[in-house]
Amino acid sequence: MGASIYLQHPQHRQAVAVATGFSWGACLLGFIWALSKRMWFAAFVMLGVNVIFLGMGLWGEALDLLGFVLSLLFAIACGMYGNRWHRWTLEQKGYQVVG
C-alpha cells in the first residue's frame, strides 16, 4: 500500500488524504467508488464503458468472452489510475498539496 498525499482547499481547514498506488476500491467497485469520491464525470464514463462491455455479451459467445476480458482489463486500469484521477479531480476544484 502506498503512502497518502494530503490536499487542502484554501477555504477549508480539513485536509483530504489521497492514497497513492493501486486502488482496490476503483478496481472492484468501479463507478460506485467514483461516486463515493464525488467524481461525477469519471463515474459516468466508468458506468458507460461497463455497460458497453456488458452489451457485447448480447451479440454472441465470442463477443461475450471479449467483453469479459476487456472488462477485466478496464477494471485493472481503473485500479491503477483511480487515485491519480481522484487527486486530479481535487486539484481541478482548487485543492493544493500540503506538507
PDB file of N, CA and C in Angstrom:
ATOM      1  N   MET A   1       0.846  -1.179   0.000  1.00  0.00           N
ATOM      2  CA  MET A   1       0.000   0.000   0.000  1.00  0.00           C
ATOM      3  C   MET A   1       0.881   1.228   0.000  1.00  0.00           C
ATOM      4  N   GLY A   2       0.553   2.182  -0.822  1.00  0.00           N
ATOM      5  CA  GLY A   2       1.338   3.399  -0.927  1.00  0.00           C
ATOM      6  C   GLY A   2       1.003   4.377   0.179  1.00  0.00           C
ATOM      7  N   ALA A   3       1.780   5.409   0.224  1.00  0.00           N
ATOM      8  CA  ALA A   3       1.558   6.471   1.204  1.00  0.00           C
ATOM      9  C   ALA A   3       0.395   7.354   0.739  1.00  0.00           C
ATOM     10  N   SER A   4       0.026   8.297   1.577  1.00  0.00           N
ATOM     11  CA  SER A   4      -1.052   9.221   1.240  1.00  0.00           C
ATOM     12  C   SER A   4      -0.496  10.605   0.963  1.00  0.00           C
ATOM     13  N   ILE A   5      -1.161  11.293   0.078  1.00  0.00           N
ATOM     14  CA  ILE A   5      -0.862  12.689  -0.211  1.00  0.00           C
ATOM     15  C   ILE A   5      -2.036  13.493   0.337  1.00  0.00           C
ATOM     16  N   TYR A   6      -1.748  14.587   1.011  1.00  0.00           N
ATOM     17  CA  TYR A   6      -2.802  15.397   1.599  1.00  0.00           C
ATOM     18  C   TYR A   6      -3.002  16.653   0.774  1.00  0.00           C
ATOM     19  N   LEU A   7      -4.264  16.922   0.464  1.00  0.00           N
ATOM     20  CA  LEU A   7      -4.628  18.116  -0.283  1.00  0.00           C
ATOM     21  C   LEU A   7      -5.606  18.930   0.550  1.00  0.00           C
ATOM     22  N   GLN A   8      -5.487  20.234   0.454  1.00  0.00           N
ATOM     23  CA  GLN A   8      -6.348  21.118   1.233  1.00  0.00           C
ATOM     24  C   GLN A   8      -6.823  22.258   0.344  1.00  0.00           C
ATOM     25  N   HIS A   9      -8.096  22.561   0.470  1.00  0.00           N
ATOM     26  CA  HIS A   9      -8.661  23.702  -0.259  1.00  0.00           C
ATOM     27  C   HIS A   9      -8.340  24.971   0.528  1.00  0.00           C
ATOM     28  N   PRO A  10      -8.015  26.072  -0.145  1.00  0.00           N
ATOM     29  CA  PRO A  10      -7.660  27.299   0.577  1.00  0.00           C
ATOM     30  C   PRO A  10      -8.750  27.800   1.531  1.00  0.00           C
ATOM     31  N   GLN A  11     -10.009  27.471   1.273  1.00  0.00           N
ATOM     32  CA  GLN A  11     -11.100  27.964   2.122  1.00  0.00           C
ATOM     33  C   GLN A  11     -11.504  26.975   3.203  1.00  0.00           C
ATOM     34  N   HIS A  12     -10.982  25.756   3.179  1.00  0.00           N
ATOM     35  CA  HIS A  12     -11.363  24.737   4.159  1.00  0.00           C
ATOM     36  C   HIS A  12     -10.180  24.438   5.069  1.00  0.00           C
ATOM     37  N   ARG A  13     -10.463  23.991   6.270  1.00  0.00           N
ATOM     38  CA  ARG A  13      -9.394  23.673   7.222  1.00  0.00           C
ATOM     39  C   ARG A  13      -8.946  22.224   7.120  1.00  0.00           C
ATOM     40  N   GLN A  14      -9.870  21.339   6.865  1.00  0.00           N
ATOM     41  CA  GLN A  14      -9.549  19.916   6.896  1.00  0.00           C
ATOM     42  C   GLN A  14      -8.917  19.469   5.580  1.00  0.00           C
ATOM     43  N   ALA A  15      -7.819  18.728   5.684  1.00  0.00           N
ATOM     44  CA  ALA A  15      -7.138  18.198   4.508  1.00  0.00           C
ATOM     45  C   ALA A  15      -7.780  16.876   4.083  1.00  0.00           C
ATOM     46  N   VAL A  16      -7.690  16.585   2.801  1.00  0.00           N
ATOM     47  CA  VAL A  16      -8.212  15.340   2.250  1.00  0.00           C
ATOM     48  C   VAL A  16      -7.027  14.451   1.906  1.00  0.00           C
ATOM     49  N   ALA A  17      -7.056  13.223   2.391  1.00  0.00           N
ATOM     50  CA  ALA A  17      -5.984  12.266   2.103  1.00  0.00           C
ATOM     51  C   ALA A  17      -6.309  11.507   0.821  1.00  0.00           C
ATOM     52  N   VAL A  18      -5.351  11.461  -0.076  1.00  0.00           N
ATOM     53  CA  VAL A  18      -5.490  10.704  -1.314  1.00  0.00           C
ATOM     54  C   VAL A  18      -4.367   9.669  -1.333  1.00  0.00           C
ATOM     55  N   ALA A  19      -4.741   8.415  -1.406  1.00  0.00           N
ATOM     56  CA  ALA A  19      -3.750   7.343  -1.408  1.00  0.00           C
ATOM     57  C   ALA A  19      -2.970   7.348  -2.713  1.00  0.00           C
ATOM     58  N   THR A  20      -1.803   6.763  -2.674  1.00  0.00           N
ATOM     59  CA  THR A  20      -1.021   6.572  -3.887  1.00  0.00           C
ATOM     60  C   THR A  20      -0.960   5.083  -4.183  1.00  0.00           C
ATOM     61  N   GLY A  21      -0.658   4.742  -5.395  1.00  0.00           N
ATOM     62  CA  GLY A  21      -0.568   3.342  -5.767  1.00  0.00           C
ATOM     63  C   GLY A  21      -1.892   2.787  -6.263  1.00  0.00           C
ATOM     64  N   PHE A  22      -2.012   1.472  -6.207  1.00  0.00           N
ATOM     65  CA  PHE A  22      -3.180   0.773  -6.738  1.00  0.00           C
ATOM     66  C   PHE A  22      -4.396   0.999  -5.848  1.00  0.00           C
ATOM     67  N   SER A  23      -5.550   1.246  -6.459  1.00  0.00           N
ATOM     68  CA  SER A  23      -6.795   1.452  -5.728  1.00  0.00           C
ATOM     69  C   SER A  23      -7.695   0.229  -5.903  1.00  0.00           C
ATOM     70  N   TRP A  24      -7.779  -0.565  -4.846  1.00  0.00           N
ATOM     71  CA  TRP A  24      -8.650  -1.737  -4.914  1.00  0.00           C
ATOM     72  C   TRP A  24     -10.112  -1.335  -5.016  1.00  0.00           C
ATOM     73  N   GLY A  25     -10.473  -0.223  -4.402  1.00  0.00           N
ATOM     74  CA  GLY A  25     -11.853   0.244  -4.492  1.00  0.00           C
ATOM     75  C   GLY A  25     -12.248   0.567  -5.921  1.00  0.00           C
ATOM     76  N   ALA A  26     -11.377   1.267  -6.638  1.00  0.00           N
ATOM     77  CA  ALA A  26     -11.656   1.605  -8.029  1.00  0.00           C
ATOM     78  C   ALA A  26     -11.689   0.353  -8.897  1.00  0.00           C
ATOM     79  N   CYS A  27     -10.830  -0.607  -8.583  1.00  0.00           N
ATOM     80  CA  CYS A  27     -10.776  -1.840  -9.369  1.00  0.00           C
ATOM     81  C   CYS A  27     -12.027  -2.689  -9.170  1.00  0.00           C
ATOM     82  N   LEU A  28     -12.431  -2.870  -7.924  1.00  0.00           N
ATOM     83  CA  LEU A  28     -13.532  -3.785  -7.628  1.00  0.00           C
ATOM     84  C   LEU A  28     -14.912  -3.139  -7.692  1.00  0.00           C
ATOM     85  N   LEU A  29     -15.014  -1.862  -7.342  1.00  0.00           N
ATOM     86  CA  LEU A  29     -16.322  -1.214  -7.280  1.00  0.00           C
ATOM     87  C   LEU A  29     -16.598  -0.278  -8.449  1.00  0.00           C
ATOM     88  N   GLY A  30     -15.565   0.130  -9.167  1.00  0.00           N
ATOM     89  CA  GLY A  30     -15.733   0.936 -10.367  1.00  0.00           C
ATOM     90  C   GLY A  30     -16.459   2.246 -10.140  1.00  0.00           C
ATOM     91  N   PHE A  31     -17.577   2.419 -10.845  1.00  0.00           N
ATOM     92  CA  PHE A  31     -18.276   3.699 -10.792  1.00  0.00           C
ATOM     93  C   PHE A  31     -18.842   4.001  -9.408  1.00  0.00           C
ATOM     94  N   ILE A  32     -19.114   3.010  -8.595  1.00  0.00           N
ATOM     95  CA  ILE A  32     -19.605   3.257  -7.235  1.00  0.00           C
ATOM     96  C   ILE A  32     -18.502   3.925  -6.412  1.00  0.00           C
ATOM     97  N   TRP A  33     -17.268   3.476  -6.595  1.00  0.00           N
ATOM     98  CA  TRP A  33     -16.126   4.112  -5.938  1.00  0.00           C
ATOM     99  C   TRP A  33     -16.010   5.562  -6.380  1.00  0.00           C
ATOM    100  N   ALA A  34     -16.141   5.809  -7.676  1.00  0.00           N
ATOM    101  CA  ALA A  34     -16.040   7.176  -8.202  1.00  0.00           C
ATOM    102  C   ALA A  34     -17.149   8.061  -7.640  1.00  0.00           C
ATOM    103  N   LEU A  35     -18.350   7.534  -7.510  1.00  0.00           N
ATOM    104  CA  LEU A  35     -19.448   8.312  -6.920  1.00  0.00           C
ATOM    105  C   LEU A  35     -19.149   8.655  -5.466  1.00  0.00           C
ATOM    106  N   SER A  36     -18.546   7.715  -4.734  1.00  0.00           N
ATOM    107  CA  SER A  36     -18.242   7.977  -3.325  1.00  0.00           C
ATOM    108  C   SER A  36     -17.175   9.057  -3.166  1.00  0.00           C
ATOM    109  N   LYS A  37     -16.357   9.254  -4.193  1.00  0.00           N
ATOM    110  CA  LYS A  37     -15.323  10.288  -4.179  1.00  0.00           C
ATOM    111  C   LYS A  37     -15.797  11.581  -4.842  1.00  0.00           C
ATOM    112  N   ARG A  38     -17.062  11.642  -5.229  1.00  0.00           N
ATOM    113  CA  ARG A  38     -17.660  12.797  -5.904  1.00  0.00           C
ATOM    114  C   ARG A  38     -16.979  13.119  -7.228  1.00  0.00           C
ATOM    115  N   MET A  39     -16.625  12.073  -7.931  1.00  0.00           N
ATOM    116  CA  MET A  39     -16.016  12.204  -9.249  1.00  0.00           C
ATOM    117  C   MET A  39     -17.092  11.872 -10.280  1.00  0.00           C
ATOM    118  N   TRP A  40     -17.972  12.812 -10.532  1.00  0.00           N
ATOM    119  CA  TRP A  40     -19.184  12.578 -11.313  1.00  0.00           C
ATOM    120  C   TRP A  40     -18.865  12.161 -12.750  1.00  0.00           C
ATOM    121  N   PHE A  41     -17.980  12.877 -13.413  1.00  0.00           N
ATOM    122  CA  PHE A  41     -17.682  12.562 -14.807  1.00  0.00           C
ATOM    123  C   PHE A  41     -17.020  11.192 -14.926  1.00  0.00           C
ATOM    124  N   ALA A  42     -16.069  10.911 -14.036  1.00  0.00           N
ATOM    125  CA  ALA A  42     -15.399   9.611 -14.060  1.00  0.00           C
ATOM    126  C   ALA A  42     -16.401   8.484 -13.816  1.00  0.00           C
ATOM    127  N   ALA A  43     -17.340   8.692 -12.901  1.00  0.00           N
ATOM    128  CA  ALA A  43     -18.353   7.673 -12.619  1.00  0.00           C
ATOM    129  C   ALA A  43     -19.223   7.430 -13.847  1.00  0.00           C
ATOM    130  N   PHE A  44     -19.601   8.501 -14.538  1.00  0.00           N
ATOM    131  CA  PHE A  44     -20.412   8.384 -15.746  1.00  0.00           C
ATOM    132  C   PHE A  44     -19.664   7.612 -16.829  1.00  0.00           C
ATOM    133  N   VAL A  45     -18.392   7.931 -17.029  1.00  0.00           N
ATOM    134  CA  VAL A  45     -17.587   7.246 -18.046  1.00  0.00           C
ATOM    135  C   VAL A  45     -17.391   5.780 -17.671  1.00  0.00           C
ATOM    136  N   MET A  46     -17.082   5.510 -16.407  1.00  0.00           N
ATOM    137  CA  MET A  46     -16.867   4.126 -15.974  1.00  0.00           C
ATOM    138  C   MET A  46     -18.138   3.294 -16.148  1.00  0.00           C
ATOM    139  N   LEU A  47     -19.273   3.865 -15.803  1.00  0.00           N
ATOM    140  CA  LEU A  47     -20.537   3.152 -15.975  1.00  0.00           C
ATOM    141  C   LEU A  47     -20.812   2.916 -17.447  1.00  0.00           C
ATOM    142  N   GLY A  48     -20.585   3.916 -18.275  1.00  0.00           N
ATOM    143  CA  GLY A  48     -20.823   3.768 -19.713  1.00  0.00           C
ATOM    144  C   GLY A  48     -19.959   2.683 -20.331  1.00  0.00           C
ATOM    145  N   VAL A  49     -18.689   2.657 -19.979  1.00  0.00           N
ATOM    146  CA  VAL A  49     -17.787   1.632 -20.524  1.00  0.00           C
ATOM    147  C   VAL A  49     -18.224   0.248 -20.060  1.00  0.00           C
ATOM    148  N   ASN A  50     -18.609   0.117 -18.804  1.00  0.00           N
ATOM    149  CA  ASN A  50     -19.064  -1.184 -18.301  1.00  0.00           C
ATOM    150  C   ASN A  50     -20.349  -1.638 -18.984  1.00  0.00           C
ATOM    151  N   VAL A  51     -21.250  -0.714 -19.258  1.00  0.00           N
ATOM    152  CA  VAL A  51     -22.493  -1.069 -19.958  1.00  0.00           C
ATOM    153  C   VAL A  51     -22.179  -1.523 -21.384  1.00  0.00           C
ATOM    154  N   ILE A  52     -21.246  -0.863 -22.044  1.00  0.00           N
ATOM    155  CA  ILE A  52     -20.855  -1.278 -23.400  1.00  0.00           C
ATOM    156  C   ILE A  52     -20.280  -2.690 -23.382  1.00  0.00           C
ATOM    157  N   PHE A  53     -19.396  -2.967 -22.419  1.00  0.00           N
ATOM    158  CA  PHE A  53     -18.815  -4.302 -22.338  1.00  0.00           C
ATOM    159  C   PHE A  53     -19.872  -5.347 -21.990  1.00  0.00           C
ATOM    160  N   LEU A  54     -20.808  -4.992 -21.155  1.00  0.00           N
ATOM    161  CA  LEU A  54     -21.905  -5.905 -20.830  1.00  0.00           C
ATOM    162  C   LEU A  54     -22.770  -6.156 -22.055  1.00  0.00           C
ATOM    163  N   GLY A  55     -23.036  -5.112 -22.823  1.00  0.00           N
ATOM    164  CA  GLY A  55     -23.849  -5.252 -24.026  1.00  0.00           C
ATOM    165  C   GLY A  55     -23.194  -6.099 -25.095  1.00  0.00           C
ATOM    166  N   MET A  56     -21.872  -6.176 -25.083  1.00  0.00           N
ATOM    167  CA  MET A  56     -21.178  -7.008 -26.059  1.00  0.00           C
ATOM    168  C   MET A  56     -21.579  -8.475 -25.911  1.00  0.00           C
ATOM    169  N   GLY A  57     -21.950  -8.872 -24.706  1.00  0.00           N
ATOM    170  CA  GLY A  57     -22.348 -10.251 -24.465  1.00  0.00           C
ATOM    171  C   GLY A  57     -23.649 -10.626 -25.136  1.00  0.00           C
ATOM    172  N   LEU A  58     -24.427  -9.647 -25.552  1.00  0.00           N
ATOM    173  CA  LEU A  58     -25.707  -9.929 -26.202  1.00  0.00           C
ATOM    174  C   LEU A  58     -25.549 -10.327 -27.664  1.00  0.00           C
ATOM    175  N   TRP A  59     -24.349 -10.155 -28.225  1.00  0.00           N
ATOM    176  CA  TRP A  59     -24.145 -10.413 -29.644  1.00  0.00           C
ATOM    177  C   TRP A  59     -23.482 -11.752 -29.943  1.00  0.00           C
ATOM    178  N   GLY A  60     -23.299 -12.570 -28.955  1.00  0.00           N
ATOM    179  CA  GLY A  60     -22.735 -13.884 -29.227  1.00  0.00           C
ATOM    180  C   GLY A  60     -21.657 -14.266 -28.236  1.00  0.00           C
ATOM    181  N   GLU A  61     -21.282 -15.532 -28.331  1.00  0.00           N
ATOM    182  CA  GLU A  61     -20.346 -16.085 -27.362  1.00  0.00           C
ATOM    183  C   GLU A  61     -18.938 -15.502 -27.507  1.00  0.00           C
ATOM    184  N   ALA A  62     -18.491 -15.292 -28.737  1.00  0.00           N
ATOM    185  CA  ALA A  62     -17.137 -14.756 -28.939  1.00  0.00           C
ATOM    186  C   ALA A  62     -17.045 -13.338 -28.387  1.00  0.00           C
ATOM    187  N   LEU A  63     -18.041 -12.522 -28.658  1.00  0.00           N
ATOM    188  CA  LEU A  63     -18.025 -11.161 -28.139  1.00  0.00           C
ATOM    189  C   LEU A  63     -18.249 -11.130 -26.637  1.00  0.00           C
ATOM    190  N   ASP A  64     -18.951 -12.136 -26.116  1.00  0.00           N
ATOM    191  CA  ASP A  64     -19.128 -12.221 -24.671  1.00  0.00           C
ATOM    192  C   ASP A  64     -17.781 -12.426 -23.985  1.00  0.00           C
ATOM    193  N   LEU A  65     -16.969 -13.299 -24.528  1.00  0.00           N
ATOM    194  CA  LEU A  65     -15.640 -13.540 -23.970  1.00  0.00           C
ATOM    195  C   LEU A  65     -14.764 -12.299 -24.120  1.00  0.00           C
ATOM    196  N   LEU A  66     -14.825 -11.658 -25.277  1.00  0.00           N
ATOM    197  CA  LEU A  66     -14.055 -10.437 -25.498  1.00  0.00           C
ATOM    198  C   LEU A  66     -14.487  -9.337 -24.530  1.00  0.00           C
ATOM    199  N   GLY A  67     -15.792  -9.189 -24.324  1.00  0.00           N
ATOM    200  CA  GLY A  67     -16.302  -8.200 -23.381  1.00  0.00           C
ATOM    201  C   GLY A  67     -15.834  -8.468 -21.963  1.00  0.00           C
ATOM    202  N   PHE A  68     -15.788  -9.737 -21.582  1.00  0.00           N
ATOM    203  CA  PHE A  68     -15.327 -10.105 -20.252  1.00  0.00           C
ATOM    204  C   PHE A  68     -13.849  -9.745 -20.068  1.00  0.00           C
ATOM    205  N   VAL A  69     -13.030 -10.073 -21.063  1.00  0.00           N
ATOM    206  CA  VAL A  69     -11.598  -9.777 -20.988  1.00  0.00           C
ATOM    207  C   VAL A  69     -11.379  -8.265 -20.949  1.00  0.00           C
ATOM    208  N   LEU A  70     -12.068  -7.527 -21.811  1.00  0.00           N
ATOM    209  CA  LEU A  70     -11.932  -6.071 -21.821  1.00  0.00           C
ATOM    210  C   LEU A  70     -12.413  -5.459 -20.513  1.00  0.00           C
ATOM    211  N   SER A  71     -13.460  -6.036 -19.933  1.00  0.00           N
ATOM    212  CA  SER A  71     -13.964  -5.551 -18.657  1.00  0.00           C
ATOM    213  C   SER A  71     -12.933  -5.756 -17.551  1.00  0.00           C
ATOM    214  N   LEU A  72     -12.263  -6.894 -17.551  1.00  0.00           N
ATOM    215  CA  LEU A  72     -11.208  -7.140 -16.569  1.00  0.00           C
ATOM    216  C   LEU A  72     -10.045  -6.173 -16.755  1.00  0.00           C
ATOM    217  N   LEU A  73      -9.640  -5.956 -17.994  1.00  0.00           N
ATOM    218  CA  LEU A  73      -8.551  -5.014 -18.263  1.00  0.00           C
ATOM    219  C   LEU A  73      -8.934  -3.598 -17.860  1.00  0.00           C
ATOM    220  N   PHE A  74     -10.178  -3.224 -18.099  1.00  0.00           N
ATOM    221  CA  PHE A  74     -10.645  -1.888 -17.709  1.00  0.00           C
ATOM    222  C   PHE A  74     -10.655  -1.744 -16.190  1.00  0.00           C
ATOM    223  N   ALA A  75     -11.065  -2.787 -15.477  1.00  0.00           N
ATOM    224  CA  ALA A  75     -11.066  -2.742 -14.015  1.00  0.00           C
ATOM    225  C   ALA A  75      -9.645  -2.592 -13.478  1.00  0.00           C
ATOM    226  N   ILE A  76      -8.701  -3.290 -14.077  1.00  0.00           N
ATOM    227  CA  ILE A  76      -7.302  -3.163 -13.647  1.00  0.00           C
ATOM    228  C   ILE A  76      -6.785  -1.758 -13.932  1.00  0.00           C
ATOM    229  N   ALA A  77      -7.129  -1.211 -15.098  1.00  0.00           N
ATOM    230  CA  ALA A  77      -6.714   0.158 -15.430  1.00  0.00           C
ATOM    231  C   ALA A  77      -7.314   1.163 -14.453  1.00  0.00           C
ATOM    232  N   CYS A  78      -8.576   0.971 -14.082  1.00  0.00           N
ATOM    233  CA  CYS A  78      -9.208   1.863 -13.099  1.00  0.00           C
ATOM    234  C   CYS A  78      -8.492   1.775 -11.761  1.00  0.00           C
ATOM    235  N   GLY A  79      -8.083   0.580 -11.377  1.00  0.00           N
ATOM    236  CA  GLY A  79      -7.331   0.414 -10.136  1.00  0.00           C
ATOM    237  C   GLY A  79      -5.974   1.088 -10.186  1.00  0.00           C
ATOM    238  N   MET A  80      -5.328   1.026 -11.339  1.00  0.00           N
ATOM    239  CA  MET A  80      -4.002   1.620 -11.475  1.00  0.00           C
ATOM    240  C   MET A  80      -4.060   3.147 -11.498  1.00  0.00           C
ATOM    241  N   TYR A  81      -5.090   3.702 -12.099  1.00  0.00           N
ATOM    242  CA  TYR A  81      -5.172   5.154 -12.273  1.00  0.00           C
ATOM    243  C   TYR A  81      -6.186   5.832 -11.362  1.00  0.00           C
ATOM    244  N   GLY A  82      -6.951   5.092 -10.603  1.00  0.00           N
ATOM    245  CA  GLY A  82      -8.024   5.661  -9.785  1.00  0.00           C
ATOM    246  C   GLY A  82      -7.580   6.747  -8.829  1.00  0.00           C
ATOM    247  N   ASN A  83      -6.512   6.505  -8.096  1.00  0.00           N
ATOM    248  CA  ASN A  83      -6.036   7.501  -7.133  1.00  0.00           C
ATOM    249  C   ASN A  83      -5.486   8.737  -7.837  1.00  0.00           C
ATOM    250  N   ARG A  84      -4.868   8.539  -8.994  1.00  0.00           N
ATOM    251  CA  ARG A  84      -4.406   9.696  -9.777  1.00  0.00           C
ATOM    252  C   ARG A  84      -5.585  10.535 -10.233  1.00  0.00           C
ATOM    253  N   TRP A  85      -6.666   9.886 -10.689  1.00  0.00           N
ATOM    254  CA  TRP A  85      -7.868  10.607 -11.119  1.00  0.00           C
ATOM    255  C   TRP A  85      -8.481  11.367  -9.950  1.00  0.00           C
ATOM    256  N   HIS A  86      -8.476  10.750  -8.770  1.00  0.00           N
ATOM    257  CA  HIS A  86      -9.030  11.410  -7.591  1.00  0.00           C
ATOM    258  C   HIS A  86      -8.228  12.661  -7.250  1.00  0.00           C
ATOM    259  N   ARG A  87      -6.909  12.533  -7.269  1.00  0.00           N
ATOM    260  CA  ARG A  87      -6.058  13.693  -6.981  1.00  0.00           C
ATOM    261  C   ARG A  87      -6.272  14.791  -8.029  1.00  0.00           C
ATOM    262  N   TRP A  88      -6.328  14.421  -9.296  1.00  0.00           N
ATOM    263  CA  TRP A  88      -6.523  15.393 -10.367  1.00  0.00           C
ATOM    264  C   TRP A  88      -7.863  16.111 -10.207  1.00  0.00           C
ATOM    265  N   THR A  89      -8.904  15.362  -9.851  1.00  0.00           N
ATOM    266  CA  THR A  89     -10.230  15.959  -9.656  1.00  0.00           C
ATOM    267  C   THR A  89     -10.196  16.982  -8.528  1.00  0.00           C
ATOM    268  N   LEU A  90      -9.539  16.654  -7.427  1.00  0.00           N
ATOM    269  CA  LEU A  90      -9.441  17.601  -6.314  1.00  0.00           C
ATOM    270  C   LEU A  90      -8.626  18.837  -6.705  1.00  0.00           C
ATOM    271  N   GLU A  91      -7.555  18.638  -7.453  1.00  0.00           N
ATOM    272  CA  GLU A  91      -6.750  19.768  -7.880  1.00  0.00           C
ATOM    273  C   GLU A  91      -7.533  20.692  -8.812  1.00  0.00           C
ATOM    274  N   GLN A  92      -8.413  20.133  -9.630  1.00  0.00           N
ATOM    275  CA  GLN A  92      -9.252  20.945 -10.511  1.00  0.00           C
ATOM    276  C   GLN A  92     -10.256  21.775  -9.713  1.00  0.00           C
ATOM    277  N   LYS A  93     -10.599  21.303  -8.526  1.00  0.00           N
ATOM    278  CA  LYS A  93     -11.525  22.031  -7.657  1.00  0.00           C
ATOM    279  C   LYS A  93     -10.822  23.053  -6.783  1.00  0.00           C
ATOM    280  N   GLY A  94      -9.507  23.188  -6.934  1.00  0.00           N
ATOM    281  CA  GLY A  94      -8.762  24.191  -6.194  1.00  0.00           C
ATOM    282  C   GLY A  94      -7.964  23.687  -5.024  1.00  0.00           C
ATOM    283  N   TYR A  95      -7.961  22.391  -4.792  1.00  0.00           N
ATOM    284  CA  TYR A  95      -7.184  21.823  -3.690  1.00  0.00           C
ATOM    285  C   TYR A  95      -5.704  21.880  -4.043  1.00  0.00           C
ATOM    286  N   GLN A  96      -4.871  22.042  -3.009  1.00  0.00           N
ATOM    287  CA  GLN A  96      -3.429  22.102  -3.190  1.00  0.00           C
ATOM    288  C   GLN A  96      -2.764  21.131  -2.232  1.00  0.00           C
ATOM    289  N   VAL A  97      -1.639  20.588  -2.662  1.00  0.00           N
ATOM    290  CA  VAL A  97      -0.886  19.646  -1.825  1.00  0.00           C
ATOM    291  C   VAL A  97      -0.294  20.401  -0.648  1.00  0.00           C
ATOM    292  N   VAL A  98      -0.442  19.821   0.558  1.00  0.00           N
ATOM    293  CA  VAL A  98       0.116  20.418   1.775  1.00  0.00           C
ATOM    294  C   VAL A  98       1.185  19.505   2.357  1.00  0.00           C
ATOM    295  N   GLY A  99       2.124  20.127   3.084  1.00  0.00           N
ATOM    296  CA  GLY A  99       3.195  19.480   3.843  1.00  0.00           C
ATOM    297  C   GLY A  99       3.552  18.163   3.381  1.00  0.00           C
TER     298      GLY A  99
END
